[in-house]
């Protein structure tokens, strides 16, 4: 049964009779001692063995396949016996034939990752976790050990990003140390929810796939906007600088640049950030922790499109009056009316920017930039409204926007140059990205500054006396004592966020608790460090009771004055229940 994924329960009985005992019966003269389990649960007659199945949800195997296709390795850590765990893992798709996956029980796992003295060694964990897929009969400590070992591993060039799911109180440490912690919203405990980063409201594994999809979509949306904005910025800066040096004037006026910036910053960000996630996001490997934000493909698109735009604008600037048979706007006096020449340059720049916004929808070298264009109404609504606004500005802007109305022929020329961005984008896409040097064509790489593992490791460092320099108990005690006094402002949790009159009753209660705690210490040897902390806490309490919350904020001393000295809280908390309660 266990091999088929069933949890087994045996049903047995034992008869206690007062008369003559027959086969499978036990004689007794007085009431049996039911607390003596060793004697009671002995020599019983088995009736049957029942197999209980916890069926796998139909959508789970497909969700796991999507995770594996997306480059995510799924591991199962369970308390079931190894046969049941192997059967469930096979049904889910975690175990596949011929992949040489490793299945261990908790005892065997600990034997492999610990040395002769019983200490966990990272190099031993590195030999186990790459092929480990199922950990059966495991404890919460085993789960924490596995998660921390994978995070701290140096086997791969990039540090592994670990996500953990859990619902019990004992899963808290593993959820806390993981890069992403998923807690169950229905079956999960409050401790698990507090320690997690994301709560699954439906307790379904498919929600994790959705979270991965949305996370990648947010990352891609940022990259799309960067690709679009940097292209426009490069072109605008180069045109303004060369124009000022060559003709002592900028082809793009100040008001026109404000309109371009509005397109870049506000409208484009709304359009590109509202792209809905698609299943195609799960068909590629995840981004590495040190992967550059601006990839080589993005840099290729930025420089390629900027080169096309700059060339078109310079051709129009120096030869546009002759090619289009219009009056030149170069070297015009500041009091002269707007010219069609510079209006064409401005209009062509905006048209190229609009069509490049369509190109920016794809950042991984896809050729079909119109895929999903009409499935995002926000994008094409903003795009069409921007185009309509540009027509109004050019035709009726006049002196306000330094424009002169253009004829239909000139408009067609501007649209032609704008559509050329789409054709040029196909040429840029054809350039092999792998041949471009990484150090030159990628930016934004490097390790994150804040590493949760490093922060945890720093708390474990020892001082010169061999004592913990930062003790978890001490930190939690000080935080709780401080929170006790600061959260009573207004008397409710919700009122903490706004300046409201303080609650004198709640404040007095907090002061009495602190005073009771002080009295609990009078009977034992004095600790100067603890006395200093209590003195400052009492001082803050008195200030709180003498004024409003705004006055308390003004009187709050410098944070450096509230530095907590070293206190052996573990020794203190072992003497009094009052201290533990505080």
Protein backbone atom coordinates (compact mmCIF):
# COMPACT_ATOMS: atom_id res chain seq x y z
CA UNK A 1 0.00 0.00 0.00
CA UNK A 2 2.74 2.43 0.90
CA UNK A 3 4.39 1.84 -2.46
CA UNK A 4 1.12 2.93 -4.11
CA UNK A 5 1.04 6.18 -2.17
CA UNK A 6 -1.36 5.05 0.57
CA UNK A 7 -1.03 5.88 4.25
CA UNK A 8 -1.64 2.68 6.23
CA UNK A 9 -3.67 2.29 9.41
CA UNK A 10 -4.02 -1.03 11.23
CA UNK A 11 -7.28 -1.87 13.06
CA UNK A 12 -6.85 -4.36 15.94
CA UNK A 13 -8.55 -5.32 19.21
CA UNK A 14 -8.01 -7.14 22.49
CA UNK A 15 -10.78 -8.56 24.78
CA UNK A 16 -10.63 -8.14 28.56
CA UNK A 17 -13.08 -10.49 30.31
CA UNK A 18 -13.89 -11.13 33.99
CA UNK A 19 -14.66 -14.81 33.55
CA UNK A 20 -12.72 -17.59 31.96
CA UNK A 21 -10.48 -16.26 29.21
CA UNK A 22 -10.67 -17.99 25.87
CA UNK A 23 -8.42 -17.63 22.87
CA UNK A 24 -7.39 -14.02 22.25
CA UNK A 25 -8.98 -12.94 25.55
CA UNK A 26 -7.43 -11.58 28.74
CA UNK A 27 -8.82 -12.27 32.21
CA UNK A 28 -8.93 -9.43 34.74
CA UNK A 29 -10.41 -9.06 38.20
CA UNK A 30 -10.25 -5.29 38.44
CA UNK A 31 -10.19 -2.36 36.03
CA UNK A 32 -7.12 -2.61 33.75
CA UNK A 33 -4.50 0.09 33.97
CA UNK A 34 -5.25 1.87 30.72
CA UNK A 35 -2.22 4.13 31.18
CA UNK A 36 0.12 1.16 30.84
CA UNK A 37 0.25 1.23 27.05
CA UNK A 38 3.04 -1.34 26.81
CA UNK A 39 0.77 -3.89 28.47
CA UNK A 40 -2.53 -2.81 26.94
CA UNK A 41 -1.33 -2.55 23.35
CA UNK A 42 0.11 -6.04 23.25
CA UNK A 43 -0.99 -9.42 21.87
CA UNK A 44 -3.78 -7.73 19.90
CA UNK A 45 -5.82 -9.32 17.10
CA UNK A 46 -5.55 -7.56 13.75
CA UNK A 47 -8.83 -7.03 11.96
CA UNK A 48 -7.62 -5.24 8.86
CA UNK A 49 -5.15 -2.74 7.44
CA UNK A 50 -6.69 0.32 5.84
CA UNK A 51 -4.99 2.35 3.12
CA UNK A 52 -5.87 6.07 3.06
CA UNK A 53 -5.04 8.03 -0.05
CA UNK A 54 -4.39 11.74 -0.17
CA UNK A 55 -4.92 12.16 -3.93
CA UNK A 56 -2.73 14.47 -5.94
CA UNK A 57 -4.66 17.40 -7.38
CA UNK A 58 -5.14 17.01 -11.14
CA UNK A 59 -3.45 20.32 -11.90
CA UNK A 60 -0.30 19.67 -9.84
CA UNK A 61 1.62 17.42 -12.32
CA UNK A 62 1.17 19.96 -15.11
CA UNK A 63 2.27 22.80 -12.80
CA UNK A 64 5.42 20.89 -11.83
CA UNK A 65 6.21 20.24 -15.49
CA UNK A 66 5.92 23.97 -16.15
CA UNK A 67 8.32 24.68 -13.28
CA UNK A 68 10.83 22.16 -14.60
CA UNK A 69 10.54 23.60 -18.11
CA UNK A 70 11.16 27.06 -16.63
CA UNK A 71 14.44 25.89 -15.06
CA UNK A 72 13.06 25.36 -11.54
CA UNK A 73 14.00 22.19 -9.69
CA UNK A 74 11.17 20.90 -7.47
CA UNK A 75 12.12 18.95 -4.33
CA UNK A 76 9.72 17.30 -1.88
CA UNK A 77 10.43 17.32 1.85
CA UNK A 78 7.83 15.28 3.75
CA UNK A 79 7.24 13.35 6.94
CA UNK A 80 5.77 10.33 5.13
CA UNK A 81 7.72 7.11 4.88
CA UNK A 82 10.02 6.69 1.94
CA UNK A 83 7.75 4.36 -0.05
CA UNK A 84 4.75 6.68 0.16
CA UNK A 85 6.92 9.69 -0.66
CA UNK A 86 8.43 7.94 -3.68
CA UNK A 87 4.97 7.03 -5.02
CA UNK A 88 3.57 10.57 -4.59
CA UNK A 89 6.68 12.13 -6.13
CA UNK A 90 6.36 9.85 -9.15
CA UNK A 91 2.70 10.76 -9.61
CA UNK A 92 3.52 14.47 -9.41
CA UNK A 93 6.40 14.23 -11.86
CA UNK A 94 9.12 15.14 -9.37
CA UNK A 95 10.73 11.77 -10.02
CA UNK A 96 11.19 10.80 -13.65
CA UNK A 97 12.52 7.51 -15.01
CA UNK A 98 16.22 7.53 -15.77
CA UNK A 99 17.13 10.83 -14.09
CA UNK A 100 19.17 9.19 -11.27
CA UNK A 101 17.36 11.16 -8.59
CA UNK A 102 18.30 10.70 -4.96
CA UNK A 103 15.67 9.72 -2.37
CA UNK A 104 16.69 9.82 1.28
CA UNK A 105 15.17 9.51 4.72
CA UNK A 106 15.92 12.05 7.41
CA UNK A 107 18.32 9.77 9.28
CA UNK A 108 20.31 8.93 6.16
CA UNK A 109 20.38 12.61 5.18
CA UNK A 110 21.83 13.59 8.56
CA UNK A 111 24.38 10.78 8.39
CA UNK A 112 25.61 12.07 5.03
CA UNK A 113 25.80 15.79 5.86
CA UNK A 114 27.39 15.51 9.34
CA UNK A 115 30.96 14.70 10.21
CA UNK A 116 32.23 12.37 12.93
CA UNK A 117 31.60 14.99 15.62
CA UNK A 118 27.98 15.50 14.50
CA UNK A 119 28.47 18.94 12.95
CA UNK A 120 26.96 19.84 9.60
CA UNK A 121 29.59 20.38 6.92
CA UNK A 122 28.88 22.36 3.77
CA UNK A 123 31.08 20.23 1.53
CA UNK A 124 29.07 17.18 2.59
CA UNK A 125 25.78 18.93 1.79
CA UNK A 126 27.16 19.85 -1.63
CA UNK A 127 27.52 16.15 -2.41
CA UNK A 128 23.85 15.48 -1.62
CA UNK A 129 21.57 18.34 -2.65
CA UNK A 130 22.22 18.54 -6.45
CA UNK A 131 20.67 15.11 -7.05
CA UNK A 132 18.29 15.05 -4.06
CA UNK A 133 14.62 15.13 -5.08
CA UNK A 134 12.75 13.55 -2.16
CA UNK A 135 13.53 13.77 1.57
CA UNK A 136 11.21 11.45 3.55
CA UNK A 137 10.74 11.00 7.28
CA UNK A 138 12.28 14.42 7.76
CA UNK A 139 12.05 16.84 10.65
CA UNK A 140 11.76 20.65 10.44
CA UNK A 141 15.46 20.81 11.29
CA UNK A 142 16.30 18.70 8.24
CA UNK A 143 14.28 21.07 6.07
CA UNK A 144 16.11 24.08 7.48
CA UNK A 145 19.47 22.36 7.02
CA UNK A 146 18.71 21.55 3.40
CA UNK A 147 17.52 25.08 2.56
CA UNK A 148 20.49 26.77 4.21
CA UNK A 149 22.91 24.30 2.61
CA UNK A 150 21.58 25.02 -0.89
CA UNK A 151 21.73 28.79 -0.34
CA UNK A 152 25.29 28.72 0.98
CA UNK A 153 26.50 26.25 -1.63
CA UNK A 154 29.32 27.21 -3.99
CA UNK A 155 28.83 24.29 -6.37
CA UNK A 156 27.39 26.43 -9.17
CA UNK A 157 28.83 29.71 -10.42
CA UNK A 158 25.75 31.64 -9.29
CA UNK A 159 24.16 31.26 -5.87
CA UNK A 160 20.98 29.23 -5.96
CA UNK A 161 17.70 31.06 -5.37
CA UNK A 162 15.56 28.94 -3.05
CA UNK A 163 11.80 29.11 -2.55
CA UNK A 164 10.16 27.14 0.28
CA UNK A 165 6.55 26.23 0.97
CA UNK A 166 5.23 25.44 4.43
CA UNK A 167 2.15 25.60 6.61
CA UNK A 168 3.24 24.60 10.11
CA UNK A 169 4.82 26.49 12.95
CA UNK A 170 7.97 24.37 12.65
CA UNK A 171 8.37 25.51 9.04
CA UNK A 172 9.02 29.08 10.21
CA UNK A 173 12.85 28.93 10.22
CA UNK A 174 13.01 27.44 6.72
CA UNK A 175 10.48 29.98 5.39
CA UNK A 176 12.43 32.82 6.97
CA UNK A 177 15.85 31.88 5.65
CA UNK A 178 14.62 31.11 2.12
CA UNK A 179 14.87 33.73 -0.62
CA UNK A 180 11.11 33.40 -1.14
CA UNK A 181 8.82 31.83 1.44
CA UNK A 182 5.34 30.61 0.47
CA UNK A 183 2.87 30.04 3.30
CA UNK A 184 -0.53 28.41 3.00
CA UNK A 185 -3.35 30.88 3.54
CA UNK A 186 -5.96 28.30 4.55
CA UNK A 187 -4.07 25.58 6.41
CA UNK A 188 -1.08 27.70 7.39
CA UNK A 189 -0.43 28.87 10.93
CA UNK A 190 0.11 32.49 11.89
CA UNK A 191 3.79 31.80 12.55
CA UNK A 192 4.27 30.40 9.04
CA UNK A 193 2.44 33.36 7.49
CA UNK A 194 4.52 35.83 9.47
CA UNK A 195 7.78 34.18 8.40
CA UNK A 196 6.82 33.93 4.72
CA UNK A 197 7.05 36.44 1.90
CA UNK A 198 3.99 35.33 -0.10
CA UNK A 199 0.77 33.75 1.16
CA UNK A 200 -1.07 31.34 -1.14
CA UNK A 201 -4.73 32.10 -0.51
CA UNK A 202 -5.91 28.88 -2.21
CA UNK A 203 -3.17 26.51 -0.90
CA UNK A 204 -2.53 25.41 -4.48
CA UNK A 205 0.82 24.68 -6.10
CA UNK A 206 -0.37 26.26 -9.36
CA UNK A 207 -0.34 29.62 -7.58
CA UNK A 208 3.45 29.29 -7.29
CA UNK A 209 3.64 28.96 -11.08
CA UNK A 210 1.56 32.13 -11.38
CA UNK A 211 3.87 33.91 -8.95
CA UNK A 212 6.90 32.91 -11.05
CA UNK A 213 5.16 34.09 -14.20
CA UNK A 214 4.23 37.46 -12.70
CA UNK A 215 7.69 37.92 -11.22
CA UNK A 216 9.34 37.42 -14.59
CA UNK A 217 6.77 39.69 -16.20
CA UNK A 218 7.57 42.51 -13.77
CA UNK A 219 11.29 42.11 -14.46
CA UNK A 220 10.69 42.15 -18.21
CA UNK A 221 8.46 45.23 -17.92
CA UNK A 222 11.28 47.13 -16.22
CA UNK A 223 13.73 45.98 -18.90
CA UNK A 224 11.34 47.03 -21.70
CA UNK A 225 10.95 50.50 -20.27
CA UNK A 226 14.71 50.86 -19.81
CA UNK A 227 15.35 49.79 -23.40
CA UNK A 228 12.82 52.30 -24.73
CA UNK A 229 13.82 55.22 -22.52
CA UNK A 230 17.58 54.86 -22.96
CA UNK A 231 17.17 54.79 -26.75
CA UNK A 232 15.20 58.06 -26.74
CA UNK A 233 17.60 59.66 -24.25
CA UNK A 234 20.68 58.81 -26.31
CA UNK A 235 19.11 60.27 -29.46
CA UNK A 236 17.83 63.42 -27.73
CA UNK A 237 21.17 64.17 -26.07
CA UNK A 238 23.21 63.61 -29.25
CA UNK A 239 20.85 65.69 -31.43
CA UNK A 240 20.74 68.57 -28.93
CA UNK A 241 24.53 68.60 -28.50
CA UNK A 242 25.43 68.34 -32.21
CA UNK A 243 22.75 70.86 -33.16
CA UNK A 244 24.10 73.38 -30.64
CA UNK A 245 27.65 72.90 -31.94
CA UNK A 246 26.86 72.80 -35.68
CA UNK A 247 24.10 75.37 -36.18
CA UNK A 248 24.10 77.15 -32.81
CA UNK A 249 20.53 75.96 -32.26
CA UNK A 250 18.75 72.84 -31.07
CA UNK A 251 16.45 71.17 -33.62
CA UNK A 252 14.22 70.15 -30.71
CA UNK A 253 12.82 73.07 -28.73
CA UNK A 254 12.27 73.08 -24.97
CA UNK A 255 8.50 72.56 -25.13
CA UNK A 256 8.95 69.79 -27.69
CA UNK A 257 11.44 68.05 -25.38
CA UNK A 258 8.91 68.26 -22.55
CA UNK A 259 6.38 66.46 -24.77
CA UNK A 260 8.98 63.82 -25.67
CA UNK A 261 9.78 63.34 -21.98
CA UNK A 262 6.07 62.93 -21.26
CA UNK A 263 5.94 60.18 -23.89
CA UNK A 264 9.04 58.53 -22.44
CA UNK A 265 8.39 58.71 -18.72
CA UNK A 266 4.64 58.56 -18.20
CA UNK A 267 2.82 57.21 -21.23
CA UNK A 268 5.47 54.66 -22.22
CA UNK A 269 5.81 53.37 -18.67
CA UNK A 270 2.06 52.83 -18.45
CA UNK A 271 1.97 51.13 -21.85
CA UNK A 272 4.95 48.83 -21.36
CA UNK A 273 4.23 48.00 -17.70
CA UNK A 274 0.70 46.77 -18.41
CA UNK A 275 1.74 43.82 -20.56
CA UNK A 276 0.00 40.72 -19.19
CA UNK A 277 2.17 37.67 -18.44
CA UNK A 278 2.14 34.94 -21.04
CA UNK A 279 3.02 31.22 -20.84
CA UNK A 280 6.05 31.96 -23.01
CA UNK A 281 7.72 33.42 -19.92
CA UNK A 282 8.02 29.88 -18.54
CA UNK A 283 9.80 28.56 -21.62
CA UNK A 284 13.18 30.04 -20.71
CA UNK A 285 15.62 29.70 -17.85
CA UNK A 286 15.37 32.08 -14.89
CA UNK A 287 17.51 35.18 -14.56
CA UNK A 288 20.63 34.75 -12.45
CA UNK A 289 21.22 36.79 -9.31
CA UNK A 290 24.18 38.53 -10.96
CA UNK A 291 22.70 38.81 -14.46
CA UNK A 292 23.04 42.36 -15.87
CA UNK A 293 19.83 44.37 -15.88
CA UNK A 294 20.74 45.67 -19.33
CA UNK A 295 21.60 42.56 -21.29
CA UNK A 296 23.63 42.34 -24.48
CA UNK A 297 20.43 41.96 -26.52
CA UNK A 298 19.00 45.11 -24.98
CA UNK A 299 22.21 47.06 -25.51
CA UNK A 300 22.28 45.90 -29.12
CA UNK A 301 18.73 47.17 -29.62
CA UNK A 302 19.44 50.46 -27.84
CA UNK A 303 22.56 51.31 -29.86
CA UNK A 304 21.13 49.96 -33.14
CA UNK A 305 17.89 51.92 -32.93
CA UNK A 306 19.67 55.05 -31.67
CA UNK A 307 22.03 54.88 -34.65
CA UNK A 308 19.12 54.75 -37.10
CA UNK A 309 17.27 57.64 -35.42
CA UNK A 310 20.38 59.85 -35.24
CA UNK A 311 21.19 59.23 -38.91
CA UNK A 312 17.64 60.08 -40.03
CA UNK A 313 17.51 63.25 -37.95
CA UNK A 314 20.93 64.47 -39.14
CA UNK A 315 20.00 63.80 -42.76
CA UNK A 316 16.83 65.82 -42.29
CA UNK A 317 18.71 68.53 -40.40
CA UNK A 318 21.42 69.15 -43.00
CA UNK A 319 19.76 67.93 -46.22
CA UNK A 320 16.04 67.79 -45.46
CA UNK A 321 15.24 71.18 -46.96
CA UNK A 322 16.69 70.08 -50.30
CA UNK A 323 15.25 66.54 -50.28
CA UNK A 324 11.73 67.69 -49.39
CA UNK A 325 11.87 71.03 -51.24
CA UNK A 326 11.06 73.21 -48.23
CA UNK A 327 12.61 76.31 -46.68
CA UNK A 328 15.60 75.71 -44.45
CA UNK A 329 15.24 76.34 -40.73
CA UNK A 330 18.96 76.40 -40.02
CA UNK A 331 20.49 79.62 -38.71
CA UNK A 332 17.03 81.15 -38.29
CA UNK A 333 16.65 84.19 -36.08
CA UNK A 334 15.08 83.68 -32.69
CA UNK A 335 12.22 86.02 -33.66
CA UNK A 336 11.39 84.11 -36.84
CA UNK A 337 8.19 82.03 -36.91
CA UNK A 338 8.43 78.23 -36.65
CA UNK A 339 9.66 76.51 -39.80
CA UNK A 340 8.39 73.38 -41.52
CA UNK A 341 11.98 72.14 -41.59
CA UNK A 342 12.35 71.85 -37.83
CA UNK A 343 8.72 70.77 -37.48
CA UNK A 344 9.47 67.77 -39.72
CA UNK A 345 12.49 66.91 -37.58
CA UNK A 346 10.39 67.05 -34.41
CA UNK A 347 7.53 65.08 -35.95
CA UNK A 348 9.86 62.44 -37.40
CA UNK A 349 11.57 62.01 -34.04
CA UNK A 350 8.23 61.46 -32.30
CA UNK A 351 7.08 59.01 -35.00
CA UNK A 352 10.28 57.00 -34.67
CA UNK A 353 9.85 57.03 -30.90
CA UNK A 354 6.28 55.75 -31.16
CA UNK A 355 7.19 52.90 -33.50
CA UNK A 356 10.23 52.06 -31.39
CA UNK A 357 7.83 51.67 -28.46
CA UNK A 358 6.39 48.69 -30.35
CA UNK A 359 9.90 47.31 -30.83
CA UNK A 360 10.57 47.69 -27.10
CA UNK A 361 7.82 45.15 -26.31
CA UNK A 362 10.30 42.38 -27.11
CA UNK A 363 13.64 42.21 -25.30
CA UNK A 364 14.78 38.64 -26.00
CA UNK A 365 15.36 38.88 -29.74
CA UNK A 366 11.84 37.95 -30.89
CA UNK A 367 11.06 38.99 -34.44
CA UNK A 368 7.28 39.24 -34.18
CA UNK A 369 6.97 42.49 -32.24
CA UNK A 370 3.21 42.64 -32.89
CA UNK A 371 2.50 39.38 -31.05
CA UNK A 372 -0.11 40.11 -28.40
CA UNK A 373 -0.37 43.76 -29.49
CA UNK A 374 -4.18 43.78 -29.57
CA UNK A 375 -4.54 41.71 -26.39
CA UNK A 376 -3.39 44.71 -24.35
CA UNK A 377 -5.99 47.47 -24.77
CA UNK A 378 -4.08 49.82 -22.48
CA UNK A 379 -1.01 49.69 -24.71
CA UNK A 380 -2.68 50.38 -28.03
CA UNK A 381 -5.03 52.96 -26.45
CA UNK A 382 -2.06 54.94 -25.13
CA UNK A 383 -0.22 54.51 -28.43
CA UNK A 384 -3.15 55.76 -30.52
CA UNK A 385 -3.89 58.63 -28.12
CA UNK A 386 -0.24 59.71 -28.28
CA UNK A 387 -0.37 59.65 -32.08
CA UNK A 388 -3.57 61.71 -32.08
CA UNK A 389 -2.03 64.21 -29.64
CA UNK A 390 1.02 64.53 -31.89
CA UNK A 391 -1.19 65.35 -34.87
CA UNK A 392 -2.96 68.06 -32.88
CA UNK A 393 0.33 69.52 -31.62
CA UNK A 394 1.89 69.66 -35.10
CA UNK A 395 -1.15 71.00 -36.93
CA UNK A 396 -2.46 73.42 -34.30
CA UNK A 397 0.40 73.92 -31.85
CA UNK A 398 1.75 77.02 -33.55
CA UNK A 399 4.02 79.24 -31.51
CA UNK A 400 3.23 77.40 -28.26
CA UNK A 401 4.95 74.24 -29.52
CA UNK A 402 7.18 75.92 -32.16
CA UNK A 403 5.49 73.97 -34.97
CA UNK A 404 4.03 74.77 -38.38
CA UNK A 405 1.26 72.74 -40.00
CA UNK A 406 2.48 70.07 -42.41
CA UNK A 407 0.95 68.90 -45.66
CA UNK A 408 -0.23 65.32 -46.26
CA UNK A 409 2.90 64.57 -48.29
CA UNK A 410 5.19 65.68 -45.49
CA UNK A 411 3.18 63.66 -43.00
CA UNK A 412 3.63 60.58 -45.15
CA UNK A 413 7.39 61.17 -45.18
CA UNK A 414 7.40 61.39 -41.37
CA UNK A 415 5.38 58.17 -41.10
CA UNK A 416 7.72 56.47 -43.55
CA UNK A 417 10.76 57.33 -41.45
CA UNK A 418 8.88 56.16 -38.35
CA UNK A 419 7.91 52.82 -39.90
CA UNK A 420 11.55 52.37 -40.88
CA UNK A 421 12.24 51.72 -37.19
CA UNK A 422 10.31 48.44 -37.45
CA UNK A 423 12.25 47.33 -40.54
CA UNK A 424 15.57 48.39 -39.01
CA UNK A 425 14.66 46.43 -35.88
CA UNK A 426 14.59 43.21 -37.93
CA UNK A 427 18.09 44.00 -39.19
CA UNK A 428 19.35 44.63 -35.66
CA UNK A 429 17.77 41.37 -34.48
CA UNK A 430 19.73 39.47 -37.13
CA UNK A 431 23.04 40.50 -35.54
CA UNK A 432 24.33 37.56 -33.42
CA UNK A 433 24.21 38.55 -29.76
CA UNK A 434 26.70 35.93 -28.58
CA UNK A 435 29.50 37.55 -30.59
CA UNK A 436 29.16 40.82 -28.68
CA UNK A 437 31.57 41.22 -25.72
CA UNK A 438 29.86 40.86 -22.34
CA UNK A 439 31.83 43.51 -20.49
CA UNK A 440 31.05 46.21 -23.09
CA UNK A 441 27.46 45.42 -24.02
CA UNK A 442 25.97 44.63 -20.60
CA UNK A 443 25.49 46.75 -17.50
CA UNK A 444 24.05 46.32 -14.03
CA UNK A 445 25.66 43.02 -13.02
CA UNK A 446 27.00 42.09 -9.60
CA UNK A 447 26.02 40.50 -6.33
CA UNK A 448 23.18 42.10 -4.31
CA UNK A 449 24.40 44.30 -1.50
CA UNK A 450 22.16 42.82 1.19
CA UNK A 451 22.53 39.07 1.58
CA UNK A 452 20.21 37.44 4.14
CA UNK A 453 22.72 34.66 4.73
CA UNK A 454 25.45 37.19 5.50
CA UNK A 455 23.10 38.98 7.89
CA UNK A 456 22.33 35.74 9.70
CA UNK A 457 25.99 34.81 9.80
CA UNK A 458 26.85 38.17 11.35
CA UNK A 459 24.42 37.45 14.18
CA UNK A 460 26.26 34.22 14.91
CA UNK A 461 29.67 35.84 15.37
CA UNK A 462 31.25 35.65 18.79
CA UNK A 463 32.85 38.46 20.73
CA UNK A 464 36.23 38.36 22.44
CA UNK A 465 34.73 36.78 25.57
CA UNK A 466 33.35 33.87 23.59
CA UNK A 467 29.75 35.00 24.08
CA UNK A 468 27.21 35.73 21.38
CA UNK A 469 27.65 39.29 20.16
CA UNK A 470 23.99 39.40 19.06
CA UNK A 471 21.59 37.08 20.76
CA UNK A 472 18.21 36.43 19.28
CA UNK A 473 16.58 36.37 22.70
CA UNK A 474 18.13 39.69 23.66
CA UNK A 475 17.03 41.36 20.42
CA UNK A 476 13.47 40.05 20.72
CA UNK A 477 13.29 41.10 24.39
CA UNK A 478 14.38 44.68 23.66
CA UNK A 479 12.09 44.92 20.62
CA UNK A 480 9.14 43.67 22.64
CA UNK A 481 9.80 46.07 25.51
CA UNK A 482 10.14 49.01 23.14
CA UNK A 483 7.06 48.02 21.15
CA UNK A 484 5.08 47.73 24.38
CA UNK A 485 5.62 51.43 25.05
CA UNK A 486 5.42 52.81 21.51
CA UNK A 487 2.34 50.92 20.31
CA UNK A 488 0.07 52.23 23.07
CA UNK A 489 -0.11 55.67 21.41
CA UNK A 490 -3.80 56.07 20.64
CA UNK A 491 -4.53 52.69 22.25
CA UNK A 492 -4.98 50.74 19.00
CA UNK A 493 -2.70 49.26 16.39
CA UNK A 494 -4.32 51.11 13.52
CA UNK A 495 -3.84 54.48 15.17
CA UNK A 496 -0.04 54.06 15.26
CA UNK A 497 0.29 55.38 11.73
CA UNK A 498 -1.28 58.83 12.38
CA UNK A 499 -0.62 61.49 15.05
CA UNK A 500 -3.46 61.11 17.57
CA UNK A 501 -3.81 61.98 21.26
CA UNK A 502 -2.28 59.34 23.48
CA UNK A 503 -4.27 56.99 25.67
CA UNK A 504 -3.39 57.72 29.27
CA UNK A 505 -4.86 54.44 30.52
CA UNK A 506 -2.88 52.32 28.08
CA UNK A 507 0.26 54.32 28.77
CA UNK A 508 -0.08 53.89 32.53
CA UNK A 509 -0.56 50.15 32.03
CA UNK A 510 2.66 49.96 30.06
CA UNK A 511 4.51 51.90 32.75
CA UNK A 512 3.17 49.57 35.46
CA UNK A 513 4.38 46.54 33.49
CA UNK A 514 7.85 48.04 33.21
CA UNK A 515 7.89 48.93 36.91
CA UNK A 516 6.77 45.40 37.79
CA UNK A 517 9.61 44.05 35.73
CA UNK A 518 12.06 46.30 37.57
CA UNK A 519 10.78 45.10 40.92
CA UNK A 520 11.32 41.53 39.79
CA UNK A 521 15.03 42.28 39.46
CA UNK A 522 15.51 43.91 42.84
CA UNK A 523 16.04 40.58 44.57
CA UNK A 524 18.98 39.48 42.43
CA UNK A 525 22.46 40.97 41.81
CA UNK A 526 22.39 44.27 39.99
CA UNK A 527 23.38 44.48 36.36
CA UNK A 528 24.61 47.95 35.34
CA UNK A 529 23.86 47.34 31.67
CA UNK A 530 20.30 46.24 32.36
CA UNK A 531 19.82 49.15 34.74
CA UNK A 532 20.88 51.57 32.01
CA UNK A 533 18.35 50.11 29.59
CA UNK A 534 15.52 50.27 32.13
CA UNK A 535 16.42 53.81 33.07
CA UNK A 536 16.15 54.94 29.47
CA UNK A 537 12.93 52.97 28.97
CA UNK A 538 11.37 54.56 32.08
CA UNK A 539 12.48 58.00 30.92
CA UNK A 540 10.74 57.45 27.61
CA UNK A 541 7.60 56.27 29.43
CA UNK A 542 7.48 59.43 31.54
CA UNK A 543 7.90 61.60 28.45
CA UNK A 544 5.12 59.69 26.76
CA UNK A 545 2.76 60.23 29.68
CA UNK A 546 3.42 64.00 29.77
CA UNK A 547 2.50 64.98 26.24
CA UNK A 548 0.84 64.09 22.99
CA UNK A 549 2.25 61.69 20.44
CA UNK A 550 3.59 64.60 18.39
CA UNK A 551 5.43 66.01 21.39
CA UNK A 552 6.84 62.55 22.10
CA UNK A 553 8.18 62.34 18.56
CA UNK A 554 9.84 65.73 18.97
CA UNK A 555 11.39 64.75 22.30
CA UNK A 556 12.61 61.36 21.10
CA UNK A 557 16.37 61.26 21.65
CA UNK A 558 18.97 60.47 19.08
CA UNK A 559 18.83 56.77 18.06
CA UNK A 560 22.45 56.45 19.11
CA UNK A 561 21.40 57.14 22.69
CA UNK A 562 19.12 54.10 22.60
CA UNK A 563 21.92 51.66 21.77
CA UNK A 564 21.25 48.47 23.69
CA UNK A 565 24.20 47.23 25.76
CA UNK A 566 25.09 43.59 26.05
CA UNK A 567 22.79 41.74 28.49
CA UNK A 568 22.83 38.08 29.38
CA UNK A 569 19.10 37.75 28.83
CA UNK A 570 19.15 33.96 28.85
CA UNK A 571 20.51 34.00 32.42
CA UNK A 572 18.02 36.63 33.52
CA UNK A 573 14.99 35.00 31.91
CA UNK A 574 15.71 31.74 33.74
CA UNK A 575 14.99 33.37 37.15
CA UNK A 576 11.54 34.87 36.85
CA UNK A 577 8.28 34.27 35.01
CA UNK A 578 7.74 38.01 35.08
CA UNK A 579 10.82 38.59 32.93
CA UNK A 580 9.74 35.94 30.44
CA UNK A 581 6.28 37.48 30.13
CA UNK A 582 7.73 40.94 29.48
